[in-house]
Protein backbone atom coordinates (compact mmCIF):
# COMPACT_ATOMS: atom_id res chain seq x y z
CA MET A 1 111.16 64.81 19.85
CA ALA A 2 112.60 67.95 18.29
CA PRO A 3 114.76 67.48 15.18
CA LYS A 4 118.45 68.09 15.62
CA GLN A 5 119.87 71.11 13.83
CA ASP A 6 123.25 71.21 12.17
CA SER A 7 125.17 73.94 13.98
CA GLY A 8 128.14 73.81 11.62
CA ASN A 9 126.83 76.38 9.08
CA VAL A 10 124.84 78.62 11.42
CA LYS A 11 126.06 82.22 11.61
CA ARG A 12 126.11 83.56 15.10
CA PRO A 13 126.39 87.16 16.24
CA PRO A 14 129.80 88.20 17.54
CA LYS A 15 130.33 87.92 21.23
CA LEU A 16 130.00 91.23 23.04
CA PHE A 17 132.56 90.49 25.68
CA SER A 18 135.22 88.76 23.64
CA GLY A 19 138.02 90.96 24.93
CA SER A 20 138.16 93.08 21.78
CA PRO A 21 138.00 96.88 22.10
CA PRO A 22 134.64 98.57 21.56
CA PRO A 23 133.92 100.08 18.14
CA PRO A 24 135.03 103.67 17.66
CA PRO A 25 132.45 106.40 18.33
CA ILE A 26 130.52 107.85 15.41
CA PRO A 27 132.09 111.12 14.21
CA ALA A 28 130.04 114.31 14.53
CA ALA A 29 129.63 114.59 10.73
CA ASP A 30 127.80 111.24 10.64
CA ALA A 31 125.52 112.07 13.56
CA PRO A 32 121.78 112.06 12.80
CA TRP A 33 120.39 115.32 11.46
CA ARG A 34 118.29 117.34 13.86
CA PRO A 35 116.22 120.35 12.76
CA ASP A 36 116.83 123.68 14.45
CA TRP A 37 114.45 126.61 14.94
CA LYS A 38 115.42 128.20 11.61
CA TRP A 39 114.45 125.04 9.75
CA HIS A 40 111.12 124.89 11.60
CA ALA A 41 110.38 128.55 10.79
CA LYS A 42 111.20 128.03 7.11
CA VAL A 43 109.07 124.91 6.79
CA LEU A 44 106.12 126.39 8.69
CA GLY A 45 106.33 129.55 6.56
CA ARG A 46 106.19 127.47 3.38
CA ILE A 47 103.22 125.49 4.71
CA TYR A 48 101.33 128.69 5.56
CA VAL A 49 102.05 130.22 2.15
CA ILE A 50 100.87 127.07 0.38
CA LEU A 51 97.68 126.92 2.47
CA ILE A 52 96.90 130.59 1.74
CA LEU A 53 97.46 130.08 -1.98
CA VAL A 54 95.26 126.98 -2.00
CA TYR A 55 92.51 128.88 -0.14
CA PHE A 56 92.46 131.74 -2.67
CA ALA A 57 92.68 129.35 -5.62
CA LEU A 58 89.70 127.34 -4.33
CA THR A 59 87.74 130.52 -3.63
CA ALA A 60 88.35 131.74 -7.18
CA LEU A 61 87.46 128.32 -8.62
CA LEU A 62 84.28 127.97 -6.59
CA SER A 63 83.11 131.49 -7.43
CA ARG A 64 83.10 130.56 -11.14
CA LEU A 65 80.81 127.56 -10.70
CA PRO A 66 77.13 127.82 -11.70
CA PRO A 67 74.63 128.94 -9.01
CA PRO A 68 73.67 125.64 -7.36
CA TYR A 69 77.33 124.71 -6.83
CA GLY A 70 79.16 128.00 -6.42
CA LEU A 71 79.71 130.09 -3.33
CA ARG A 72 76.56 131.74 -2.06
CA GLN A 73 75.99 134.97 -0.22
CA ILE A 74 74.65 134.24 3.26
CA PRO A 75 71.75 136.55 4.19
CA LYS A 76 72.46 138.91 7.09
CA ASP A 77 69.24 137.96 8.92
CA VAL A 78 70.50 134.37 9.21
CA THR A 79 73.85 135.45 10.64
CA PRO A 80 73.48 138.24 13.22
CA TRP A 81 77.27 138.70 13.46
CA LEU A 82 77.35 139.85 9.80
CA LYS A 83 74.91 142.76 10.43
CA LYS A 84 77.73 145.10 11.47
């Protein structure tokens, strides 16, 4: 047998069809923000600039490392596309 619950202190959601008018619509100023094409261009531009700066910083850092760990020059006979 299931225990009986006291329904005197239970909060219930308001009835949807209680005859009261619906809540007012949300004003345009409170509408959710949506990015436009200018925002996308600005953010993508910043991402590209950051990636380019990180690439050059890592290249400079790796070129200063000692020979076993630093960047190496790939021989041209190993890579035929570098013979040009």
